[in-house]
C-alpha cells in the first residue's frame, strides 16, 4: 500500500500515499459491519490514477475529479502509474471506530509476514536463554474485525442502479418537454410568417400521427384531390425549419414547386414517408427525426443530428 496512513484529528480521518501496483500482493482494509470508508480527496499524477478493488472484484480507476467515493467490505488500493516513483495521495474518513483501524492498515504482504515471524522467533529464543525461569507475558492477540457483510455491497449496487434509472427517466422526460416546447415555438413562428389565405378551406384534422421511422405528421387541411402512389411524381410547396424555428429552406411558388418521384430517394426519406396519404390541396406538418433526415452529416446550414420540421402543401400529382 506504500507508506502507512497518518491519522488526523479525531482518529477517523487519514492521509495515505499509495505506491503499489494492482497486480501486487497488496494489503486490504477490511471494513466491519456498519462501517464505511469515504474517500474525500484523491491527488494523482498526470499519467496515473488510483485503482480500487472491492471484495476482490475487478479493479476500477478513480481520477482527480472524483470525490466522496463511499466504500464498504474488503477494499484493496493500487496505483496505475508505470514509473517506480509514481504514487497517489488519498484522504479518507471512517464512519466510526468499530475496530482498530491502524492495525488493519499496517498489515503487510506475505514476505513481510514471514520476516516478522522469523524476527519474533529469534527474540523469543534469546530471552529464553537469558532467563529460563522467568515467565514471559503472552503477546496479546490482535483484534480481528468481524467479517464484512456481503449484502452491503449488493444493496449499494442496487441503490446505485435505481438512482441511474431514475436519472435516465428524468432526462428523457425533460428532453421530451424541451422538444415539445421547441416544436410549439416553430409552429407559432411559421404561422405568424405565413400569409392568410382568403379562400375557404376544407375542415382540418388536428391530430398528430406517427408513421414509419418515427416520422410524425399533423394534417392541418385535408385535400380533396388525388392521392400520390409510389413511383408517381408529386409537386409541393414547403417551408423547412429546425426545432428552434430557424428556417433553412422554403419554396412557396405553385408555378415552380418542388417535384420528385416517390420511392426513388430523390429527397430525404422522412419527407417521402410524410407525404404518403396526402391528397392534392392538403396541407401537413411533417416532423422528421435525424435518422430519417440528414443523420450525422451536416447539410448546409443544417447541423448534424437535427430534427427537421416541414410545412408542406400538395399541389399536384
Protein backbone atom coordinates (compact mmCIF):
# COMPACT_ATOMS: atom_id res chain seq x y z
CA UNK A 1 0.00 0.00 0.00
CA UNK A 2 3.05 2.23 0.27
CA UNK A 3 3.58 4.37 3.38
CA UNK A 4 1.38 3.65 6.45
CA UNK A 5 -1.50 6.13 6.78
CA UNK A 6 -1.25 9.18 9.00
CA UNK A 7 -4.34 9.60 11.18
CA UNK A 8 -5.50 13.16 11.73
CA UNK A 9 -7.64 14.87 14.35
CA UNK A 10 -10.32 12.52 15.68
CA UNK A 11 -8.51 9.35 14.57
CA UNK A 12 -11.07 8.62 11.82
CA UNK A 13 -9.56 10.85 9.12
CA UNK A 14 -6.32 9.70 7.48
CA UNK A 15 -3.78 10.66 4.80
CA UNK A 16 -2.24 7.79 2.83
CA UNK A 17 0.30 7.54 -0.02
CA UNK A 18 -0.45 4.59 -2.36
CA UNK A 19 2.54 3.32 -4.38
CA UNK A 20 1.90 -0.37 -5.07
CA UNK A 21 0.55 -1.83 -8.33
CA UNK A 22 -2.87 -3.53 -8.51
CA UNK A 23 -1.31 -6.84 -9.56
CA UNK A 24 0.97 -6.97 -6.49
CA UNK A 25 0.10 -8.85 -3.29
CA UNK A 26 -1.32 -5.75 -1.61
CA UNK A 27 -2.86 -5.39 1.89
CA UNK A 28 -6.53 -4.68 2.35
CA UNK A 29 -8.70 -2.52 4.58
CA UNK A 30 -11.46 -4.73 5.99
CA UNK A 31 -14.48 -2.66 6.97
CA UNK A 32 -16.70 -4.19 9.67
CA UNK A 33 -20.48 -4.37 9.54
CA UNK A 34 -21.90 -0.86 9.59
CA UNK A 35 -18.53 0.79 8.83
CA UNK A 36 -17.97 2.72 5.58
CA UNK A 37 -14.93 4.50 4.17
CA UNK A 38 -15.43 7.76 2.26
CA UNK A 39 -12.55 8.99 0.05
CA UNK A 40 -12.83 12.78 0.30
CA UNK A 41 -9.73 13.75 -1.71
CA UNK A 42 -7.66 11.98 -4.40
CA UNK A 43 -4.49 13.56 -5.83
CA UNK A 44 -2.91 11.74 -8.80
CA UNK A 45 -0.06 12.50 -11.18
CA UNK A 46 -0.70 13.28 -14.86
CA UNK A 47 -0.07 9.70 -16.02
CA UNK A 48 -1.55 7.64 -13.20
CA UNK A 49 -4.69 7.18 -11.15
CA UNK A 50 -5.94 5.43 -8.02
CA UNK A 51 -7.16 1.87 -8.60
CA UNK A 52 -9.61 0.19 -6.21
CA UNK A 53 -10.91 -3.38 -5.85
CA UNK A 54 -13.84 -4.15 -3.52
CA UNK A 55 -14.29 -7.71 -2.19
CA UNK A 56 -11.67 -9.00 -4.71
CA UNK A 57 -13.75 -7.96 -7.71
CA UNK A 58 -12.45 -6.23 -10.85
CA UNK A 59 -10.23 -3.17 -10.39
CA UNK A 60 -11.62 0.23 -11.35
CA UNK A 61 -9.87 3.58 -11.70
CA UNK A 62 -10.61 6.80 -9.80
CA UNK A 63 -9.07 10.09 -11.01
CA UNK A 64 -8.55 13.56 -9.58
CA UNK A 65 -12.11 14.67 -10.38
CA UNK A 66 -13.69 12.02 -8.13
CA UNK A 67 -14.62 12.81 -4.54
CA UNK A 68 -16.79 11.40 -1.80
CA UNK A 69 -16.32 7.81 -3.06
CA UNK A 70 -18.07 5.58 -0.49
CA UNK A 71 -16.66 2.06 0.03
CA UNK A 72 -17.68 -0.96 2.13
CA UNK A 73 -16.43 -4.53 2.50
CA UNK A 74 -12.78 -5.53 1.86
CA UNK A 75 -11.00 -2.75 -0.06
CA UNK A 76 -7.65 -3.04 -1.93
CA UNK A 77 -5.78 0.05 -3.15
CA UNK A 78 -3.34 0.35 -6.04
CA UNK A 79 -1.57 2.93 -8.23
CA UNK A 80 -1.78 2.66 -12.04
CA UNK A 81 1.46 4.55 -12.71
CA UNK A 82 4.24 2.88 -14.71
CA UNK A 83 7.20 4.54 -13.00
CA UNK A 84 8.71 3.36 -9.73
CA UNK A 85 8.20 6.74 -8.07
CA UNK A 86 4.54 7.11 -9.14
CA UNK A 87 2.11 7.49 -6.25
CA UNK A 88 -1.39 8.66 -5.31
CA UNK A 89 -2.25 10.75 -2.22
CA UNK A 90 -5.59 9.75 -0.68
CA UNK A 91 -7.54 11.43 2.13
CA UNK A 92 -10.36 9.36 3.66
CA UNK A 93 -12.77 9.29 6.59
CA UNK A 94 -14.32 6.36 8.50
CA UNK A 95 -17.88 6.47 9.79
CA UNK A 96 -16.95 5.05 13.20
CA UNK A 97 -14.15 3.36 15.16
CA UNK A 98 -15.76 -0.08 15.06
CA UNK A 99 -12.34 -1.73 15.03
CA UNK A 100 -8.66 -0.68 15.47
CA UNK A 101 -8.09 0.86 12.04
CA UNK A 102 -4.34 1.37 12.46
CA UNK A 103 -3.79 -2.39 12.88
CA UNK A 104 -5.62 -3.14 9.64
CA UNK A 105 -3.67 -0.53 7.70
CA UNK A 106 -0.33 -1.86 8.92
CA UNK A 107 -0.92 -5.40 7.62
CA UNK A 108 1.96 -6.40 5.33
CA UNK A 109 2.48 -8.67 2.32
CA UNK A 110 3.35 -12.37 2.56
CA UNK A 111 7.10 -11.66 2.51
CA UNK A 112 6.86 -9.14 5.33
CA UNK A 113 4.77 -11.55 7.42
CA UNK A 114 7.44 -14.26 7.11
CA UNK A 115 10.20 -11.83 8.08
CA UNK A 116 8.23 -10.58 11.07
CA UNK A 117 7.56 -14.16 12.28
CA UNK A 118 11.28 -15.04 11.99
CA UNK A 119 12.31 -11.95 13.98
CA UNK A 120 9.79 -12.75 16.69
CA UNK A 121 11.09 -16.34 16.94
CA UNK A 122 14.71 -15.18 17.37
CA UNK A 123 13.76 -12.67 20.05
CA UNK A 124 11.87 -15.36 21.97
CA UNK A 125 14.85 -17.74 21.89
CA UNK A 126 17.23 -15.03 23.11
CA UNK A 127 15.01 -14.11 26.04
CA UNK A 128 14.66 -17.81 26.94
CA UNK A 129 18.42 -18.31 27.16
CA UNK A 130 18.83 -15.19 29.27
CA UNK A 131 16.40 -16.22 31.95
CA UNK A 132 14.76 -19.64 31.54
CA UNK A 133 12.93 -19.41 34.86
CA UNK A 134 11.38 -16.01 34.17
CA UNK A 135 7.97 -16.30 32.58
CA UNK A 136 7.26 -14.12 29.61
CA UNK A 137 3.85 -12.50 29.23
CA UNK A 138 1.98 -13.84 26.26
CA UNK A 139 1.62 -11.43 23.34
CA UNK A 140 -1.89 -10.11 23.03
CA UNK A 141 -3.74 -11.38 20.02
CA UNK A 142 -4.69 -8.65 17.56
CA UNK A 143 -8.33 -7.84 17.50
CA UNK A 144 -9.74 -9.15 14.24
CA UNK A 145 -12.72 -7.21 12.90
CA UNK A 146 -15.89 -9.08 12.14
CA UNK A 147 -16.20 -10.30 8.53
CA UNK A 148 -17.82 -7.86 6.09
CA UNK A 149 -21.43 -8.42 5.25
CA UNK A 150 -21.75 -9.41 1.59
CA UNK A 151 -25.21 -7.89 1.35
CA UNK A 152 -23.82 -4.39 1.96
CA UNK A 153 -22.20 -4.22 -1.46
CA UNK A 154 -25.23 -5.74 -3.19
CA UNK A 155 -27.51 -3.20 -1.52
CA UNK A 156 -25.23 -0.33 -2.51
CA UNK A 157 -25.05 -1.60 -6.11
CA UNK A 158 -28.85 -1.97 -6.26
CA UNK A 159 -29.32 1.56 -4.92
CA UNK A 160 -26.86 2.93 -7.50
CA UNK A 161 -28.74 1.17 -10.32
CA UNK A 162 -32.06 2.60 -9.10
CA UNK A 163 -30.59 6.10 -8.99
CA UNK A 164 -29.19 5.67 -12.51
CA UNK A 165 -32.58 4.54 -13.88
CA UNK A 166 -34.36 7.42 -12.15
CA UNK A 167 -31.88 9.93 -13.60
CA UNK A 168 -32.31 8.45 -17.11
CA UNK A 169 -36.11 8.71 -16.85
CA UNK A 170 -35.90 12.31 -15.65
CA UNK A 171 -33.53 13.21 -18.51
CA UNK A 172 -35.82 11.58 -21.11
CA UNK A 173 -38.86 13.41 -19.70
CA UNK A 174 -37.01 16.72 -19.78
CA UNK A 175 -35.87 16.12 -23.37
CA UNK A 176 -39.45 15.37 -24.50
CA UNK A 177 -40.67 18.52 -22.79
CA UNK A 178 -37.99 20.64 -24.47
CA UNK A 179 -38.77 19.15 -27.90
CA UNK A 180 -42.47 19.81 -27.44
CA UNK A 181 -41.78 23.41 -26.40
CA UNK A 182 -39.44 23.99 -29.35
CA UNK A 183 -41.96 22.46 -31.76
CA UNK A 184 -44.70 24.75 -30.44
CA UNK A 185 -42.43 27.76 -30.95
CA UNK A 186 -41.71 26.62 -34.50
CA UNK A 187 -45.42 26.33 -35.26
CA UNK A 188 -46.08 29.80 -33.88
CA UNK A 189 -43.14 31.30 -35.78
CA UNK A 190 -44.10 29.73 -39.12
CA UNK A 191 -47.78 30.54 -38.62
CA UNK A 192 -47.01 34.21 -37.98
CA UNK A 193 -44.87 34.45 -41.17
CA UNK A 194 -47.35 32.61 -43.40
CA UNK A 195 -49.90 34.91 -45.12
CA UNK A 196 -53.52 34.04 -44.51
CA UNK A 197 -55.50 32.50 -47.39
CA UNK A 198 -58.83 34.14 -48.08
CA UNK A 199 -60.46 31.25 -49.97
CA UNK A 200 -62.47 28.71 -47.95
CA UNK A 201 -60.51 25.70 -46.72
CA UNK A 202 -61.61 22.11 -46.15
CA UNK A 203 -62.02 21.17 -42.49
CA UNK A 204 -58.78 20.49 -40.54
CA UNK A 205 -57.93 17.36 -38.57
CA UNK A 206 -55.59 18.45 -35.74
CA UNK A 207 -54.36 15.03 -34.61
CA UNK A 208 -50.71 14.05 -34.84
CA UNK A 209 -49.86 10.56 -36.06
CA UNK A 210 -46.59 8.59 -36.09
CA UNK A 211 -45.60 6.87 -39.34
CA UNK A 212 -42.71 4.64 -40.43
CA UNK A 213 -39.31 5.58 -38.98
CA UNK A 214 -40.93 7.65 -36.18
CA UNK A 215 -41.90 10.36 -38.67
CA UNK A 216 -44.74 12.40 -37.14
CA UNK A 217 -47.43 14.11 -39.26
CA UNK A 218 -50.22 16.55 -38.43
CA UNK A 219 -52.85 17.26 -41.11
CA UNK A 220 -53.97 20.89 -40.90
CA UNK A 221 -56.05 20.70 -44.09
CA UNK A 222 -57.41 17.56 -45.76
CA UNK A 223 -57.17 17.81 -49.54
CA UNK A 224 -59.87 16.67 -51.96
CA UNK A 225 -57.70 15.78 -54.98
CA UNK A 226 -55.71 12.73 -55.98
CA UNK A 227 -53.53 10.71 -53.60
CA UNK A 228 -49.92 10.00 -54.68
CA UNK A 229 -48.70 6.43 -55.10
CA UNK A 230 -45.12 5.04 -55.07
CA UNK A 231 -43.35 5.85 -58.35
CA UNK A 232 -45.59 8.86 -59.12
CA UNK A 233 -44.26 12.41 -59.33
CA UNK A 234 -45.56 14.79 -56.67
CA UNK A 235 -45.45 18.59 -56.59
CA UNK A 236 -45.50 20.53 -53.34
CA UNK A 237 -44.65 23.85 -51.75
CA UNK A 238 -42.91 23.82 -48.38
CA UNK A 239 -41.15 25.61 -45.54
CA UNK A 240 -38.33 23.71 -43.82
CA UNK A 241 -37.11 24.69 -40.35
CA UNK A 242 -35.29 23.39 -37.26
CA UNK A 243 -36.90 22.77 -33.86
CA UNK A 244 -35.81 26.24 -32.66
CA UNK A 245 -37.73 27.88 -35.53
CA UNK A 246 -34.72 28.61 -37.78
CA UNK A 247 -35.90 28.39 -41.44
CA UNK A 248 -33.26 26.71 -43.59
CA UNK A 249 -35.22 26.42 -46.89
CA UNK A 250 -38.62 27.19 -48.42
CA UNK A 251 -40.48 27.18 -51.72
CA UNK A 252 -43.90 28.84 -51.89
CA UNK A 253 -44.14 29.03 -55.68
CA UNK A 254 -47.03 26.97 -57.05
CA UNK A 255 -45.80 27.73 -60.60
CA UNK A 256 -42.41 26.22 -59.84
CA UNK A 257 -42.96 23.82 -56.88
CA UNK A 258 -40.64 21.09 -55.61
CA UNK A 259 -41.08 17.95 -57.72
CA UNK A 260 -39.89 14.43 -57.01
CA UNK A 261 -40.98 10.83 -57.53
CA UNK A 262 -41.96 8.80 -54.51
CA UNK A 263 -39.73 5.88 -53.57
CA UNK A 264 -36.65 6.88 -55.62
CA UNK A 265 -34.76 8.63 -52.78
CA UNK A 266 -34.71 11.97 -54.58
CA UNK A 267 -35.36 13.74 -51.26
CA UNK A 268 -34.73 12.77 -47.61
CA UNK A 269 -36.50 9.56 -46.62
CA UNK A 270 -38.59 11.25 -43.95
CA UNK A 271 -40.19 13.64 -46.47
CA UNK A 272 -41.19 10.76 -48.75
CA UNK A 273 -42.80 8.93 -45.82
CA UNK A 274 -44.50 12.11 -44.61
CA UNK A 275 -46.16 12.87 -47.96
CA UNK A 276 -47.76 9.42 -48.28
CA UNK A 277 -51.51 9.52 -47.64
CA UNK A 278 -51.97 13.21 -48.54
CA UNK A 279 -54.40 14.43 -51.19
CA UNK A 280 -53.94 17.33 -53.60
CA UNK A 281 -54.90 20.57 -51.87
CA UNK A 282 -54.00 19.22 -48.44
CA UNK A 283 -51.55 20.79 -46.01
CA UNK A 284 -49.49 18.88 -43.46
CA UNK A 285 -46.83 19.37 -40.82
CA UNK A 286 -44.09 16.70 -41.04
CA UNK A 287 -41.60 16.22 -38.17
CA UNK A 288 -38.58 14.17 -39.32
CA UNK A 289 -36.12 12.64 -36.78
CA UNK A 290 -32.37 12.81 -37.58
CA UNK A 291 -32.14 9.17 -38.72
CA UNK A 292 -34.81 9.85 -41.39
CA UNK A 293 -33.24 13.19 -42.38
CA UNK A 294 -29.55 14.01 -42.81
CA UNK A 295 -28.41 11.99 -39.76
CA UNK A 296 -24.81 12.57 -38.69
CA UNK A 297 -23.99 14.68 -41.78
CA UNK A 298 -24.04 18.50 -41.78
CA UNK A 299 -26.08 19.78 -44.71
CA UNK A 300 -25.56 23.49 -45.46
CA UNK A 301 -26.99 25.45 -42.51
CA UNK A 302 -28.46 22.27 -41.01
CA UNK A 303 -26.34 20.88 -38.15
CA UNK A 304 -25.80 17.14 -37.87
CA UNK A 305 -28.31 15.10 -35.82
CA UNK A 306 -31.03 17.73 -36.45
CA UNK A 307 -34.77 17.14 -36.26
CA UNK A 308 -36.44 18.71 -39.35
CA UNK A 309 -39.91 20.30 -39.47
CA UNK A 310 -41.63 20.72 -42.87
CA UNK A 311 -44.91 22.55 -43.50
CA UNK A 312 -45.99 21.29 -46.93
CA UNK A 313 -48.91 21.72 -49.33
CA UNK A 314 -49.51 19.09 -52.00
CA UNK A 315 -50.30 20.99 -55.23
CA UNK A 316 -50.14 18.21 -57.81
CA UNK A 317 -49.72 14.52 -58.56
